[in-house]
């Protein structure tokens, strides 16, 4: 009876490196994007800086809105301020009293 010979193949050197190389490549890819990606460490610092800038801008806009609301409240019919009405009328109608002195400012030309 002939003996059945089993053939054992020795794995090649490159075949043994495929799995570790792929794992290192995947870790390197995800590690790089964890640091430099849009939501990574560097990206988070940029987002936090933008948040601080926008909060500062929000505070300025809120203060400006409060000031405008206060000026508008002076023009409401229930609490009409005569000085504010006079100021607005002179500005929009371009009128002055005969005994007033008018100082004209030169307009700057945008370059």
N, C-alpha and C. Protein backbone atom coordinates (compact mmCIF):
# COMPACT_ATOMS: atom_id res chain seq x y z
N UNK A 1 0.82 -1.15 0.00
CA UNK A 1 0.00 0.00 0.00
C UNK A 1 0.89 1.25 0.00
N UNK A 2 0.60 2.09 -0.95
CA UNK A 2 1.43 3.29 -1.00
C UNK A 2 1.04 4.26 0.10
N UNK A 3 2.02 4.89 0.58
CA UNK A 3 1.79 5.86 1.66
C UNK A 3 1.38 7.19 1.05
N UNK A 4 0.37 7.77 1.64
CA UNK A 4 -0.05 9.09 1.18
C UNK A 4 0.87 10.13 1.80
N UNK A 5 1.45 10.84 0.96
CA UNK A 5 2.39 11.86 1.44
C UNK A 5 1.65 13.18 1.63
N UNK A 6 1.78 13.71 2.79
CA UNK A 6 1.20 15.04 3.03
C UNK A 6 2.26 16.08 2.76
N UNK A 7 1.82 17.06 2.12
CA UNK A 7 2.77 18.08 1.74
C UNK A 7 2.57 19.29 2.65
N UNK A 8 3.55 19.63 3.39
CA UNK A 8 3.46 20.79 4.26
C UNK A 8 4.24 21.92 3.62
N UNK A 9 3.56 23.04 3.55
CA UNK A 9 4.23 24.20 2.97
C UNK A 9 4.73 25.10 4.07
N UNK A 10 5.89 25.56 3.89
CA UNK A 10 6.45 26.50 4.83
C UNK A 10 5.97 27.89 4.41
N UNK A 11 5.41 28.65 5.36
CA UNK A 11 4.90 29.99 5.01
C UNK A 11 6.07 30.89 4.65
N UNK A 12 5.82 31.69 3.66
CA UNK A 12 6.89 32.58 3.23
C UNK A 12 7.03 33.74 4.22
N UNK A 13 8.16 34.38 4.16
CA UNK A 13 8.46 35.49 5.07
C UNK A 13 7.48 36.65 4.88
N UNK A 14 7.15 36.97 3.62
CA UNK A 14 6.22 38.07 3.34
C UNK A 14 4.81 37.76 3.81
N UNK A 15 4.42 36.51 3.71
CA UNK A 15 3.07 36.13 4.11
C UNK A 15 2.88 36.31 5.62
N UNK A 16 3.93 36.12 6.39
CA UNK A 16 3.85 36.29 7.83
C UNK A 16 3.79 37.77 8.23
N UNK A 17 4.21 38.66 7.35
CA UNK A 17 4.23 40.09 7.68
C UNK A 17 2.95 40.82 7.29
N UNK A 18 2.09 40.20 6.52
CA UNK A 18 0.90 40.90 6.02
C UNK A 18 0.01 41.39 7.15
N UNK A 19 -0.36 40.55 8.07
CA UNK A 19 -1.27 40.94 9.16
C UNK A 19 -0.67 42.04 10.05
N UNK A 20 0.56 41.92 10.53
CA UNK A 20 1.11 43.00 11.35
C UNK A 20 1.24 44.33 10.59
N UNK A 21 1.62 44.26 9.31
CA UNK A 21 1.76 45.49 8.53
C UNK A 21 0.40 46.16 8.34
N UNK A 22 -0.63 45.38 8.04
CA UNK A 22 -1.98 45.95 7.91
C UNK A 22 -2.47 46.54 9.23
N UNK A 23 -2.19 45.89 10.34
CA UNK A 23 -2.61 46.41 11.65
C UNK A 23 -1.88 47.71 11.97
N UNK A 24 -0.58 47.75 11.70
CA UNK A 24 0.19 48.98 11.96
C UNK A 24 -0.29 50.12 11.06
N UNK A 25 -0.60 49.80 9.80
CA UNK A 25 -1.10 50.82 8.88
C UNK A 25 -2.45 51.38 9.36
N UNK A 26 -3.35 50.50 9.80
CA UNK A 26 -4.65 50.95 10.30
C UNK A 26 -4.48 51.80 11.55
N UNK A 27 -3.63 51.38 12.48
CA UNK A 27 -3.39 52.16 13.68
C UNK A 27 -2.77 53.51 13.34
N UNK A 28 -1.83 53.52 12.40
CA UNK A 28 -1.22 54.78 11.99
C UNK A 28 -2.24 55.73 11.37
N UNK A 29 -3.11 55.19 10.52
CA UNK A 29 -4.15 56.00 9.87
C UNK A 29 -5.08 56.62 10.91
N UNK A 30 -5.60 55.80 11.80
CA UNK A 30 -6.53 56.32 12.80
C UNK A 30 -5.83 57.21 13.81
N UNK A 31 -4.57 56.90 14.14
CA UNK A 31 -3.81 57.76 15.05
C UNK A 31 -3.56 59.12 14.44
N UNK A 32 -3.20 59.17 13.16
CA UNK A 32 -2.98 60.44 12.48
C UNK A 32 -4.24 61.29 12.50
N UNK A 33 -5.37 60.69 12.14
CA UNK A 33 -6.62 61.45 12.10
C UNK A 33 -7.14 61.80 13.49
N UNK A 34 -6.77 61.04 14.50
CA UNK A 34 -7.15 61.40 15.86
C UNK A 34 -6.42 62.67 16.29
N UNK A 35 -5.23 62.87 15.79
CA UNK A 35 -4.47 64.08 16.13
C UNK A 35 -4.81 65.25 15.21
N UNK A 36 -4.82 65.02 13.89
CA UNK A 36 -4.91 66.11 12.93
C UNK A 36 -6.26 66.22 12.24
N UNK A 37 -7.17 65.35 12.49
CA UNK A 37 -8.46 65.39 11.82
C UNK A 37 -9.30 66.58 12.26
N UNK A 38 -10.42 66.75 11.60
CA UNK A 38 -11.31 67.87 11.89
C UNK A 38 -11.77 67.87 13.35
N UNK A 39 -12.00 66.70 13.90
CA UNK A 39 -12.43 66.59 15.30
C UNK A 39 -11.32 66.04 16.19
N UNK A 40 -10.08 66.08 15.71
CA UNK A 40 -8.95 65.60 16.49
C UNK A 40 -8.49 66.63 17.50
N UNK A 41 -7.31 66.40 18.06
CA UNK A 41 -6.78 67.28 19.10
C UNK A 41 -6.54 68.68 18.54
N UNK A 42 -5.92 68.77 17.37
CA UNK A 42 -5.65 70.08 16.75
C UNK A 42 -6.95 70.74 16.32
N UNK A 43 -7.85 69.96 15.74
CA UNK A 43 -9.14 70.49 15.31
C UNK A 43 -9.97 70.97 16.48
N UNK A 44 -9.88 70.29 17.60
CA UNK A 44 -10.64 70.70 18.78
C UNK A 44 -10.15 72.05 19.29
N UNK A 45 -8.84 72.27 19.25
CA UNK A 45 -8.30 73.56 19.68
C UNK A 45 -8.80 74.67 18.77
N UNK A 46 -8.87 74.40 17.47
CA UNK A 46 -9.38 75.41 16.53
C UNK A 46 -10.86 75.69 16.80
N UNK A 47 -11.62 74.65 17.07
CA UNK A 47 -13.05 74.82 17.36
C UNK A 47 -13.24 75.63 18.64
N UNK A 48 -12.44 75.33 19.68
CA UNK A 48 -12.55 76.08 20.93
C UNK A 48 -12.19 77.54 20.74
N UNK A 49 -11.18 77.83 19.89
CA UNK A 49 -10.82 79.22 19.61
C UNK A 49 -11.96 79.94 18.88
N UNK A 50 -12.58 79.25 17.92
CA UNK A 50 -13.71 79.84 17.21
C UNK A 50 -14.87 80.11 18.15
N UNK A 51 -15.11 79.19 19.09
CA UNK A 51 -16.19 79.38 20.06
C UNK A 51 -15.93 80.62 20.90
N UNK A 52 -14.68 80.81 21.33
CA UNK A 52 -14.34 81.98 22.14
C UNK A 52 -14.54 83.27 21.34
N UNK A 53 -14.12 83.27 20.07
CA UNK A 53 -14.30 84.45 19.22
C UNK A 53 -15.79 84.76 19.02
N UNK A 54 -16.57 83.72 18.76
CA UNK A 54 -18.00 83.92 18.52
C UNK A 54 -18.73 84.36 19.78
N UNK A 55 -18.30 83.88 20.94
CA UNK A 55 -18.92 84.33 22.19
C UNK A 55 -18.62 85.81 22.44
N UNK A 56 -17.40 86.25 22.11
CA UNK A 56 -17.07 87.67 22.23
C UNK A 56 -17.92 88.51 21.29
N UNK A 57 -18.08 88.03 20.06
CA UNK A 57 -18.91 88.74 19.08
C UNK A 57 -20.37 88.78 19.54
N UNK A 58 -20.83 87.68 20.14
CA UNK A 58 -22.20 87.63 20.65
C UNK A 58 -22.42 88.67 21.74
N UNK A 59 -21.45 88.81 22.64
CA UNK A 59 -21.58 89.81 23.71
C UNK A 59 -21.68 91.22 23.13
N UNK A 60 -20.87 91.51 22.09
CA UNK A 60 -20.95 92.83 21.46
C UNK A 60 -22.31 93.05 20.81
N UNK A 61 -22.81 92.03 20.13
CA UNK A 61 -24.10 92.17 19.46
C UNK A 61 -25.25 92.29 20.46
N UNK A 62 -25.16 91.58 21.57
CA UNK A 62 -26.20 91.68 22.60
C UNK A 62 -26.21 93.09 23.18
N UNK A 63 -25.03 93.66 23.43
CA UNK A 63 -24.96 95.02 23.96
C UNK A 63 -25.51 96.02 22.95
N UNK A 64 -25.18 95.83 21.68
CA UNK A 64 -25.70 96.72 20.63
C UNK A 64 -27.22 96.61 20.51
N UNK A 65 -27.72 95.38 20.64
CA UNK A 65 -29.17 95.19 20.56
C UNK A 65 -29.88 95.87 21.72
N UNK A 66 -29.30 95.75 22.92
CA UNK A 66 -29.90 96.43 24.08
C UNK A 66 -29.94 97.93 23.87
N UNK A 67 -28.86 98.48 23.33
CA UNK A 67 -28.82 99.93 23.08
C UNK A 67 -29.88 100.33 22.06
N UNK A 68 -30.00 99.55 21.00
CA UNK A 68 -31.02 99.86 19.98
C UNK A 68 -32.43 99.71 20.55
N UNK A 69 -32.64 98.70 21.38
CA UNK A 69 -33.96 98.51 21.99
C UNK A 69 -34.31 99.69 22.90
N UNK A 70 -33.31 100.20 23.60
CA UNK A 70 -33.56 101.35 24.47
C UNK A 70 -33.92 102.58 23.63
N UNK A 71 -33.23 102.76 22.50
CA UNK A 71 -33.54 103.91 21.64
C UNK A 71 -34.92 103.76 21.00
N UNK A 72 -35.29 102.55 20.62
CA UNK A 72 -36.60 102.32 20.02
C UNK A 72 -37.70 102.55 21.05
N UNK A 73 -37.44 102.17 22.29
CA UNK A 73 -38.47 102.36 23.33
C UNK A 73 -38.76 103.85 23.54
N UNK A 74 -37.77 104.70 23.24
CA UNK A 74 -38.02 106.15 23.37
C UNK A 74 -38.94 106.68 22.27
N UNK A 75 -39.07 105.94 21.18
CA UNK A 75 -39.93 106.37 20.07
C UNK A 75 -41.32 105.74 20.10
N UNK A 76 -41.61 104.94 21.08
CA UNK A 76 -42.94 104.32 21.17
C UNK A 76 -43.97 105.39 21.52
N UNK A 77 -45.18 105.25 20.99
CA UNK A 77 -46.21 106.27 21.25
C UNK A 77 -46.52 106.47 22.73
N UNK A 78 -46.45 105.40 23.54
CA UNK A 78 -46.78 105.56 24.95
C UNK A 78 -45.72 106.34 25.71
N UNK A 79 -44.49 106.32 25.24
CA UNK A 79 -43.41 107.01 25.95
C UNK A 79 -42.55 107.79 24.96
N UNK A 80 -43.15 108.61 24.18
CA UNK A 80 -42.46 109.37 23.14
C UNK A 80 -41.60 110.47 23.77
N UNK A 81 -40.31 110.42 23.49
CA UNK A 81 -39.37 111.41 23.99
C UNK A 81 -39.26 112.53 22.95
N UNK A 82 -39.59 113.77 23.31
CA UNK A 82 -39.56 114.87 22.34
C UNK A 82 -38.16 115.11 21.76
N UNK A 83 -37.13 114.94 22.57
CA UNK A 83 -35.77 115.14 22.06
C UNK A 83 -35.42 114.11 21.00
N UNK A 84 -35.80 112.86 21.23
CA UNK A 84 -35.52 111.81 20.25
C UNK A 84 -36.31 112.06 18.97
N UNK A 85 -37.53 112.47 19.10
CA UNK A 85 -38.35 112.77 17.93
C UNK A 85 -37.75 113.93 17.13
N UNK A 86 -37.30 114.96 17.82
CA UNK A 86 -36.68 116.10 17.16
C UNK A 86 -35.39 115.68 16.44
N UNK A 87 -34.59 114.87 17.11
CA UNK A 87 -33.33 114.39 16.50
C UNK A 87 -33.60 113.59 15.23
N UNK A 88 -34.55 112.67 15.28
CA UNK A 88 -34.87 111.84 14.11
C UNK A 88 -35.45 112.68 12.98
N UNK A 89 -36.34 113.62 13.31
CA UNK A 89 -36.95 114.46 12.28
C UNK A 89 -35.90 115.32 11.58
N UNK A 90 -35.00 115.90 12.34
CA UNK A 90 -33.95 116.73 11.73
C UNK A 90 -33.03 115.88 10.84
N UNK A 91 -32.74 114.69 11.27
CA UNK A 91 -31.85 113.84 10.50
C UNK A 91 -32.48 113.43 9.17
N UNK A 92 -33.72 112.97 9.23
CA UNK A 92 -34.36 112.47 8.01
C UNK A 92 -34.88 113.58 7.10
N UNK A 93 -35.32 114.69 7.68
CA UNK A 93 -35.86 115.77 6.86
C UNK A 93 -34.82 116.81 6.46
N UNK A 94 -33.64 116.72 7.07
CA UNK A 94 -32.53 117.62 6.76
C UNK A 94 -32.93 119.08 7.02
N UNK A 95 -33.54 119.32 8.19
CA UNK A 95 -34.00 120.66 8.54
C UNK A 95 -33.28 121.16 9.79
N UNK A 96 -33.13 122.49 9.89
CA UNK A 96 -32.57 123.13 11.09
C UNK A 96 -33.35 124.40 11.36
N UNK A 97 -33.22 124.91 12.58
CA UNK A 97 -33.83 126.20 12.92
C UNK A 97 -32.97 127.32 12.35
N UNK A 98 -33.57 128.46 12.10
CA UNK A 98 -32.80 129.57 11.50
C UNK A 98 -31.66 130.06 12.41
N UNK A 99 -31.78 129.92 13.71
CA UNK A 99 -30.76 130.44 14.61
C UNK A 99 -29.68 129.40 14.97
N UNK A 100 -29.68 128.24 14.32
CA UNK A 100 -28.69 127.20 14.61
C UNK A 100 -27.52 127.27 13.64
N UNK A 101 -26.38 126.83 14.11
CA UNK A 101 -25.17 126.78 13.32
C UNK A 101 -24.97 125.34 12.84
N UNK A 102 -24.72 125.16 11.55
CA UNK A 102 -24.56 123.83 10.97
C UNK A 102 -23.09 123.65 10.61
N UNK A 103 -22.49 122.55 11.09
CA UNK A 103 -21.10 122.22 10.76
C UNK A 103 -21.15 121.01 9.83
N UNK A 104 -20.63 121.18 8.62
CA UNK A 104 -20.62 120.09 7.64
C UNK A 104 -19.28 119.36 7.72
N UNK A 105 -19.35 118.05 7.78
CA UNK A 105 -18.16 117.21 7.81
C UNK A 105 -17.88 116.72 6.39
N UNK A 106 -16.62 116.78 5.97
CA UNK A 106 -16.34 116.24 4.63
C UNK A 106 -16.48 114.71 4.64
N UNK A 107 -17.03 114.16 3.57
CA UNK A 107 -17.18 112.72 3.48
C UNK A 107 -15.87 112.11 3.03
N UNK A 108 -15.52 110.99 3.61
CA UNK A 108 -14.30 110.30 3.19
C UNK A 108 -14.59 109.43 2.00
N UNK A 109 -13.68 109.40 1.06
CA UNK A 109 -13.84 108.59 -0.14
C UNK A 109 -13.17 107.24 0.09
N UNK A 110 -13.94 106.18 -0.10
CA UNK A 110 -13.39 104.83 0.09
C UNK A 110 -12.45 104.51 -1.07
N UNK A 111 -11.27 104.00 -0.73
CA UNK A 111 -10.29 103.67 -1.76
C UNK A 111 -10.12 102.19 -1.88
